[in-house]
Amino acid sequence: MTKQPLSEQFYFALVAFLLQAKQQVVAISGELGLTSVQALTLLMVDSITAPSMSSLCKLYDCDASNITGIIDGLEQKGLVSRQPHPTDRRIKIIRLEPAGKQIQTNIIRHLVKNSDHLFDGLNQTELAQFANLVQKLQIPKK
């Protein structure tokens, strides 16, 4: 059985939803002394097991120098560290430091507290289904 293609309206709505969700991260990032991309990266570091610099490049679809700048800024703040890969010394793994975990927790708390309006159109059952579907689509942990 082949999947039916989704409508243009779905993609318009999806992009609008994602941009509204990103605005919540942007709103808190300044309060925490971070750029929005640094805040998003703190959220991503824990959702990908042992992310490498190259995996972040692929995720953000950007040049390695961009990721280096993002990680440099987070590292200078003591929020992440670069660690050698256990089997390939050419690869650097990004680890969340305790201060980074604390900021990450603050970002999540802010999202929980201030993002209810994103889900106003859903009843409790639909919200639970949506949460399950999004988690099912999450970037696989490697």
N, C-alpha and C. Protein backbone atom coordinates (compact mmCIF):
# COMPACT_ATOMS: atom_id res chain seq x y z
N MET A 1 0.84 -1.18 0.00
CA MET A 1 0.00 0.00 0.00
C MET A 1 0.89 1.25 0.00
N THR A 2 0.71 2.12 -0.96
CA THR A 2 1.52 3.33 -1.04
C THR A 2 0.87 4.44 -0.25
N LYS A 3 1.70 5.29 0.29
CA LYS A 3 1.21 6.43 1.05
C LYS A 3 0.71 7.50 0.09
N GLN A 4 -0.38 8.13 0.47
CA GLN A 4 -0.93 9.23 -0.32
C GLN A 4 -0.08 10.48 -0.07
N PRO A 5 0.20 11.25 -1.11
CA PRO A 5 0.96 12.49 -0.90
C PRO A 5 0.15 13.47 -0.06
N LEU A 6 0.84 14.24 0.74
CA LEU A 6 0.17 15.24 1.56
C LEU A 6 -0.07 16.50 0.74
N SER A 7 -1.06 17.25 1.14
CA SER A 7 -1.47 18.44 0.38
C SER A 7 -0.52 19.61 0.60
N GLU A 8 -0.60 20.57 -0.29
CA GLU A 8 0.16 21.81 -0.13
C GLU A 8 -0.24 22.48 1.18
N GLN A 9 -1.51 22.46 1.51
CA GLN A 9 -1.99 23.08 2.74
C GLN A 9 -1.32 22.48 3.96
N PHE A 10 -1.09 21.16 3.92
CA PHE A 10 -0.39 20.53 5.04
C PHE A 10 0.99 21.13 5.21
N TYR A 11 1.73 21.28 4.11
CA TYR A 11 3.09 21.81 4.21
C TYR A 11 3.11 23.27 4.63
N PHE A 12 2.16 24.06 4.15
CA PHE A 12 2.06 25.45 4.61
C PHE A 12 1.81 25.48 6.12
N ALA A 13 0.89 24.65 6.58
CA ALA A 13 0.56 24.61 8.01
C ALA A 13 1.74 24.09 8.83
N LEU A 14 2.44 23.08 8.31
CA LEU A 14 3.59 22.53 9.02
C LEU A 14 4.69 23.57 9.20
N VAL A 15 5.02 24.27 8.12
CA VAL A 15 6.07 25.29 8.19
C VAL A 15 5.65 26.41 9.14
N ALA A 16 4.40 26.83 9.08
CA ALA A 16 3.92 27.88 10.00
C ALA A 16 4.03 27.41 11.45
N PHE A 17 3.65 26.17 11.71
CA PHE A 17 3.74 25.61 13.06
C PHE A 17 5.19 25.58 13.54
N LEU A 18 6.10 25.10 12.68
CA LEU A 18 7.51 25.01 13.06
C LEU A 18 8.11 26.38 13.34
N LEU A 19 7.75 27.36 12.52
CA LEU A 19 8.27 28.71 12.74
C LEU A 19 7.72 29.31 14.04
N GLN A 20 6.46 29.04 14.35
CA GLN A 20 5.91 29.52 15.62
C GLN A 20 6.60 28.85 16.80
N ALA A 21 6.88 27.56 16.67
CA ALA A 21 7.59 26.84 17.73
C ALA A 21 9.00 27.39 17.89
N LYS A 22 9.66 27.67 16.77
CA LYS A 22 11.02 28.22 16.83
C LYS A 22 11.01 29.58 17.53
N GLN A 23 9.97 30.37 17.31
CA GLN A 23 9.89 31.68 17.97
C GLN A 23 9.92 31.57 19.48
N GLN A 24 9.42 30.48 20.02
CA GLN A 24 9.48 30.26 21.46
C GLN A 24 10.93 30.10 21.92
N VAL A 25 11.72 29.39 21.13
CA VAL A 25 13.15 29.21 21.45
C VAL A 25 13.89 30.54 21.30
N VAL A 26 13.57 31.28 20.24
CA VAL A 26 14.19 32.59 20.01
C VAL A 26 13.90 33.51 21.20
N ALA A 27 12.66 33.49 21.70
CA ALA A 27 12.27 34.37 22.80
C ALA A 27 13.10 34.11 24.06
N ILE A 28 13.36 32.87 24.37
CA ILE A 28 14.10 32.55 25.59
C ILE A 28 15.61 32.65 25.39
N SER A 29 16.10 32.47 24.18
CA SER A 29 17.55 32.44 23.96
C SER A 29 18.22 33.75 24.38
N GLY A 30 17.63 34.88 24.04
CA GLY A 30 18.20 36.17 24.42
C GLY A 30 18.27 36.35 25.93
N GLU A 31 17.22 35.89 26.62
CA GLU A 31 17.20 35.98 28.09
C GLU A 31 18.33 35.16 28.71
N LEU A 32 18.74 34.12 28.01
CA LEU A 32 19.79 33.22 28.53
C LEU A 32 21.18 33.59 28.02
N GLY A 33 21.27 34.66 27.24
CA GLY A 33 22.57 35.08 26.71
C GLY A 33 23.06 34.21 25.57
N LEU A 34 22.13 33.62 24.84
CA LEU A 34 22.47 32.73 23.73
C LEU A 34 21.87 33.27 22.44
N THR A 35 22.46 32.88 21.33
CA THR A 35 21.79 33.10 20.05
C THR A 35 20.71 32.02 19.92
N SER A 36 19.78 32.24 19.01
CA SER A 36 18.73 31.23 18.83
C SER A 36 19.33 29.91 18.34
N VAL A 37 20.35 29.97 17.50
CA VAL A 37 20.97 28.73 17.00
C VAL A 37 21.72 28.02 18.13
N GLN A 38 22.33 28.76 19.04
CA GLN A 38 22.98 28.11 20.19
C GLN A 38 21.93 27.41 21.06
N ALA A 39 20.80 28.07 21.28
CA ALA A 39 19.73 27.46 22.08
C ALA A 39 19.20 26.20 21.40
N LEU A 40 18.96 26.28 20.09
CA LEU A 40 18.50 25.09 19.36
C LEU A 40 19.53 23.97 19.43
N THR A 41 20.80 24.34 19.35
CA THR A 41 21.87 23.33 19.41
C THR A 41 21.89 22.65 20.77
N LEU A 42 21.71 23.41 21.83
CA LEU A 42 21.65 22.79 23.16
C LEU A 42 20.52 21.77 23.23
N LEU A 43 19.40 22.08 22.59
CA LEU A 43 18.28 21.12 22.57
C LEU A 43 18.64 19.89 21.74
N MET A 44 19.36 20.09 20.65
CA MET A 44 19.71 18.98 19.76
C MET A 44 20.79 18.08 20.32
N VAL A 45 21.72 18.63 21.09
CA VAL A 45 22.84 17.84 21.59
C VAL A 45 22.34 16.65 22.40
N ASP A 46 21.30 16.84 23.16
CA ASP A 46 20.80 15.74 23.98
C ASP A 46 19.85 14.81 23.24
N SER A 47 19.31 15.26 22.11
CA SER A 47 18.38 14.41 21.38
C SER A 47 19.09 13.48 20.40
N ILE A 48 20.35 13.75 20.14
CA ILE A 48 21.16 12.89 19.28
C ILE A 48 22.25 12.30 20.17
N THR A 49 22.32 11.00 20.26
CA THR A 49 23.35 10.40 21.10
C THR A 49 24.71 10.70 20.51
N ALA A 50 25.57 11.30 21.34
CA ALA A 50 26.94 11.62 20.97
C ALA A 50 27.04 12.28 19.59
N PRO A 51 26.44 13.47 19.44
CA PRO A 51 26.50 14.11 18.13
C PRO A 51 27.93 14.56 17.81
N SER A 52 28.29 14.37 16.58
CA SER A 52 29.60 14.83 16.11
C SER A 52 29.41 16.17 15.43
N MET A 53 30.52 16.86 15.23
CA MET A 53 30.47 18.12 14.51
C MET A 53 29.86 17.88 13.12
N SER A 54 30.27 16.80 12.46
CA SER A 54 29.76 16.53 11.11
C SER A 54 28.27 16.20 11.11
N SER A 55 27.78 15.53 12.15
CA SER A 55 26.34 15.24 12.18
C SER A 55 25.53 16.53 12.37
N LEU A 56 26.09 17.48 13.11
CA LEU A 56 25.42 18.77 13.25
C LEU A 56 25.45 19.54 11.93
N CYS A 57 26.56 19.43 11.19
CA CYS A 57 26.63 20.06 9.86
C CYS A 57 25.53 19.52 8.96
N LYS A 58 25.35 18.21 8.97
CA LYS A 58 24.30 17.59 8.15
C LYS A 58 22.92 18.03 8.61
N LEU A 59 22.72 18.06 9.91
CA LEU A 59 21.42 18.45 10.46
C LEU A 59 21.06 19.88 10.07
N TYR A 60 22.02 20.79 10.19
CA TYR A 60 21.79 22.20 9.87
C TYR A 60 22.03 22.52 8.41
N ASP A 61 22.53 21.57 7.66
CA ASP A 61 22.85 21.75 6.25
C ASP A 61 23.70 23.01 6.05
N CYS A 62 24.82 23.02 6.75
CA CYS A 62 25.70 24.18 6.68
C CYS A 62 27.16 23.73 6.66
N ASP A 63 28.01 24.69 6.44
CA ASP A 63 29.45 24.47 6.38
C ASP A 63 29.99 24.17 7.78
N ALA A 64 31.06 23.41 7.83
CA ALA A 64 31.68 23.06 9.11
C ALA A 64 32.08 24.29 9.91
N SER A 65 32.49 25.36 9.23
CA SER A 65 32.91 26.56 9.95
C SER A 65 31.74 27.18 10.73
N ASN A 66 30.52 27.04 10.22
CA ASN A 66 29.35 27.55 10.95
C ASN A 66 29.16 26.78 12.26
N ILE A 67 29.25 25.47 12.18
CA ILE A 67 29.09 24.64 13.38
C ILE A 67 30.22 24.91 14.36
N THR A 68 31.43 25.06 13.84
CA THR A 68 32.56 25.37 14.70
C THR A 68 32.29 26.65 15.49
N GLY A 69 31.77 27.67 14.83
CA GLY A 69 31.46 28.93 15.52
C GLY A 69 30.38 28.76 16.58
N ILE A 70 29.36 27.98 16.28
CA ILE A 70 28.28 27.73 17.25
C ILE A 70 28.83 27.00 18.46
N ILE A 71 29.59 25.94 18.21
CA ILE A 71 30.13 25.13 19.31
C ILE A 71 31.17 25.92 20.09
N ASP A 72 32.00 26.71 19.40
CA ASP A 72 32.98 27.57 20.10
C ASP A 72 32.27 28.46 21.12
N GLY A 73 31.17 29.11 20.69
CA GLY A 73 30.43 29.99 21.58
C GLY A 73 29.86 29.25 22.78
N LEU A 74 29.31 28.07 22.54
CA LEU A 74 28.75 27.27 23.64
C LEU A 74 29.85 26.75 24.56
N GLU A 75 30.98 26.41 23.98
CA GLU A 75 32.10 25.90 24.77
C GLU A 75 32.69 27.02 25.64
N GLN A 76 32.80 28.22 25.10
CA GLN A 76 33.31 29.36 25.87
C GLN A 76 32.43 29.67 27.07
N LYS A 77 31.15 29.38 26.95
CA LYS A 77 30.21 29.61 28.05
C LYS A 77 30.19 28.42 29.02
N GLY A 78 30.95 27.37 28.72
CA GLY A 78 31.00 26.20 29.59
C GLY A 78 29.77 25.31 29.48
N LEU A 79 29.05 25.39 28.36
CA LEU A 79 27.81 24.64 28.20
C LEU A 79 27.99 23.31 27.50
N VAL A 80 28.97 23.22 26.64
CA VAL A 80 29.30 21.96 25.95
C VAL A 80 30.82 21.80 25.94
N SER A 81 31.25 20.60 25.61
CA SER A 81 32.68 20.35 25.40
C SER A 81 32.83 19.41 24.21
N ARG A 82 33.99 19.50 23.60
CA ARG A 82 34.35 18.58 22.52
C ARG A 82 35.14 17.44 23.13
N GLN A 83 34.75 16.24 22.80
CA GLN A 83 35.43 15.06 23.30
C GLN A 83 35.88 14.21 22.12
N PRO A 84 36.99 13.49 22.27
CA PRO A 84 37.39 12.61 21.17
C PRO A 84 36.42 11.44 21.02
N HIS A 85 36.19 11.03 19.80
CA HIS A 85 35.37 9.86 19.53
C HIS A 85 36.11 8.64 20.05
N PRO A 86 35.40 7.67 20.63
CA PRO A 86 36.09 6.52 21.23
C PRO A 86 36.88 5.65 20.24
N THR A 87 36.47 5.65 18.96
CA THR A 87 37.16 4.77 18.01
C THR A 87 37.77 5.49 16.81
N ASP A 88 37.48 6.79 16.66
CA ASP A 88 38.00 7.52 15.51
C ASP A 88 38.48 8.90 15.97
N ARG A 89 39.78 9.05 16.12
CA ARG A 89 40.33 10.27 16.68
C ARG A 89 40.11 11.50 15.80
N ARG A 90 39.70 11.32 14.55
CA ARG A 90 39.41 12.45 13.67
C ARG A 90 38.09 13.12 14.00
N ILE A 91 37.23 12.40 14.72
CA ILE A 91 35.88 12.88 15.01
C ILE A 91 35.82 13.45 16.42
N LYS A 92 35.16 14.60 16.53
CA LYS A 92 34.92 15.22 17.84
C LYS A 92 33.43 15.08 18.17
N ILE A 93 33.17 14.58 19.36
CA ILE A 93 31.82 14.40 19.86
C ILE A 93 31.48 15.59 20.75
N ILE A 94 30.26 16.09 20.66
CA ILE A 94 29.82 17.21 21.48
C ILE A 94 29.08 16.66 22.71
N ARG A 95 29.57 17.04 23.87
CA ARG A 95 28.95 16.61 25.13
C ARG A 95 28.33 17.81 25.84
N LEU A 96 27.18 17.61 26.40
CA LEU A 96 26.50 18.63 27.18
C LEU A 96 27.12 18.65 28.57
N GLU A 97 27.59 19.80 29.01
CA GLU A 97 28.15 19.96 30.35
C GLU A 97 27.02 20.25 31.33
N PRO A 98 27.26 20.10 32.65
CA PRO A 98 26.18 20.36 33.62
C PRO A 98 25.52 21.74 33.47
N ALA A 99 26.31 22.77 33.21
CA ALA A 99 25.72 24.11 33.01
C ALA A 99 24.85 24.12 31.75
N GLY A 100 25.26 23.39 30.73
CA GLY A 100 24.47 23.29 29.50
C GLY A 100 23.17 22.54 29.75
N LYS A 101 23.23 21.50 30.57
CA LYS A 101 22.02 20.75 30.92
C LYS A 101 21.05 21.64 31.68
N GLN A 102 21.57 22.49 32.56
CA GLN A 102 20.72 23.40 33.31
C GLN A 102 20.02 24.40 32.39
N ILE A 103 20.77 24.95 31.44
CA ILE A 103 20.17 25.90 30.48
C ILE A 103 19.17 25.16 29.60
N GLN A 104 19.52 23.95 29.18
CA GLN A 104 18.60 23.16 28.36
C GLN A 104 17.28 22.96 29.12
N THR A 105 17.37 22.63 30.40
CA THR A 105 16.18 22.45 31.24
C THR A 105 15.37 23.74 31.31
N ASN A 106 16.05 24.88 31.41
CA ASN A 106 15.35 26.18 31.43
C ASN A 106 14.62 26.42 30.11
N ILE A 107 15.25 26.07 29.01
CA ILE A 107 14.60 26.24 27.69
C ILE A 107 13.35 25.38 27.62
N ILE A 108 13.46 24.13 28.03
CA ILE A 108 12.31 23.22 28.01
C ILE A 108 11.20 23.74 28.91
N ARG A 109 11.55 24.20 30.11
CA ARG A 109 10.52 24.76 31.02
C ARG A 109 9.80 25.93 30.36
N HIS A 110 10.57 26.79 29.71
CA HIS A 110 9.97 27.93 29.01
C HIS A 110 9.01 27.43 27.92
N LEU A 111 9.44 26.44 27.16
CA LEU A 111 8.59 25.91 26.09
C LEU A 111 7.30 25.33 26.65
N VAL A 112 7.41 24.57 27.74
CA VAL A 112 6.22 23.99 28.37
C VAL A 112 5.27 25.09 28.85
N LYS A 113 5.85 26.12 29.45
CA LYS A 113 5.05 27.20 30.04
C LYS A 113 4.41 28.11 28.98
N ASN A 114 5.10 28.34 27.87
CA ASN A 114 4.68 29.38 26.94
C ASN A 114 4.23 28.89 25.57
N SER A 115 4.10 27.61 25.37
CA SER A 115 3.77 27.11 24.04
C SER A 115 2.38 26.48 23.93
N ASP A 116 1.59 26.60 24.97
CA ASP A 116 0.26 25.99 24.93
C ASP A 116 -0.56 26.47 23.73
N HIS A 117 -0.41 27.75 23.37
CA HIS A 117 -1.20 28.31 22.27
C HIS A 117 -0.95 27.59 20.94
N LEU A 118 0.21 26.95 20.81
CA LEU A 118 0.51 26.21 19.58
C LEU A 118 -0.43 25.02 19.39
N PHE A 119 -1.01 24.57 20.49
CA PHE A 119 -1.82 23.34 20.45
C PHE A 119 -3.29 23.60 20.76
N ASP A 120 -3.70 24.86 20.69
CA ASP A 120 -5.08 25.24 21.02
C ASP A 120 -6.12 24.49 20.19
N GLY A 121 -5.81 24.12 18.97
CA GLY A 121 -6.77 23.45 18.11
C GLY A 121 -6.93 21.96 18.39
N LEU A 122 -6.19 21.44 19.37
CA LEU A 122 -6.23 20.01 19.66
C LEU A 122 -6.88 19.74 21.01
N ASN A 123 -7.71 18.68 21.05
CA ASN A 123 -8.21 18.25 22.35
C ASN A 123 -7.15 17.36 23.00
N GLN A 124 -7.39 16.90 24.20
CA GLN A 124 -6.38 16.14 24.95
C GLN A 124 -5.97 14.86 24.23
N THR A 125 -6.93 14.15 23.64
CA THR A 125 -6.62 12.92 22.91
C THR A 125 -5.78 13.22 21.68
N GLU A 126 -6.16 14.25 20.94
CA GLU A 126 -5.39 14.63 19.75
C GLU A 126 -3.98 15.09 20.12
N LEU A 127 -3.87 15.82 21.23
CA LEU A 127 -2.55 16.28 21.68
C LEU A 127 -1.65 15.09 22.01
N ALA A 128 -2.21 14.08 22.68
CA ALA A 128 -1.43 12.87 23.00
C ALA A 128 -1.03 12.15 21.71
N GLN A 129 -1.92 12.06 20.74
CA GLN A 129 -1.60 11.44 19.46
C GLN A 129 -0.52 12.22 18.73
N PHE A 130 -0.64 13.54 18.73
CA PHE A 130 0.35 14.40 18.08
C PHE A 130 1.73 14.20 18.72
N ALA A 131 1.76 14.19 20.04
CA ALA A 131 3.03 13.99 20.76
C ALA A 131 3.65 12.64 20.38
N ASN A 132 2.84 11.61 20.33
CA ASN A 132 3.35 10.28 19.96
C ASN A 132 3.89 10.27 18.53
N LEU A 133 3.18 10.92 17.62
CA LEU A 133 3.61 10.96 16.22
C LEU A 133 4.91 11.74 16.06
N VAL A 134 5.02 12.88 16.72
CA VAL A 134 6.25 13.68 16.63
C VAL A 134 7.43 12.88 17.19
N GLN A 135 7.22 12.21 18.32
CA GLN A 135 8.31 11.41 18.91
C GLN A 135 8.68 10.25 18.00
N LYS A 136 7.71 9.71 17.30
CA LYS A 136 7.99 8.63 16.36
C LYS A 136 8.85 9.11 15.19
N LEU A 137 8.67 10.38 14.81
CA LEU A 137 9.42 10.96 13.69
C LEU A 137 10.74 11.58 14.10
N GLN A 138 11.03 11.59 15.40
CA GLN A 138 12.25 12.21 15.90
C GLN A 138 13.49 11.67 15.21
N ILE A 139 14.50 12.52 15.10
CA ILE A 139 15.77 12.10 14.53
C ILE A 139 16.24 10.87 15.29
N PRO A 140 16.57 9.80 14.57
CA PRO A 140 16.99 8.60 15.28
C PRO A 140 18.30 8.82 16.04
N LYS A 141 18.34 8.28 17.25
CA LYS A 141 19.57 8.33 18.04
C LYS A 141 20.52 7.29 17.50
N LYS A 142 21.77 7.70 17.36
CA LYS A 142 22.77 6.79 16.78
C LYS A 142 23.68 6.26 17.85
